[in-house]
């Protein structure tokens, strides 16, 4: 049921970390839910969204979850995309080389 999946997703919320636990964090961030200045908590999964309270994080989760991706997952996705592009380029090159070889063979047979 839809209600249960929402509750399940809410249980997957990352516990926000205080700024002191976040290296390089700016002390004057804006809450991603209520836009209040001075947010001191951030999403521990993506490290990109800041909140002034746990309640604001919970309220924002149905929206933030669509874009919340851990840095490790972003890196994996980028690596997979790069590998995919490299495989596609190699496939196209092999196809082009095969056409050239076929043309050369046909030209040699005609001579």
Foldseek 3Di string as FASTA:
>chain_A
DVVVVLVVLLVVFADWDFQVVPPPDDQFDAAPQPRHTRFGTDGPADRPGGHNDPVSCSVCCVPCVVPRHHPVRVVVVVVVVVVVVVVVVVVVVVVVVVVVVVVVVVVVVVD
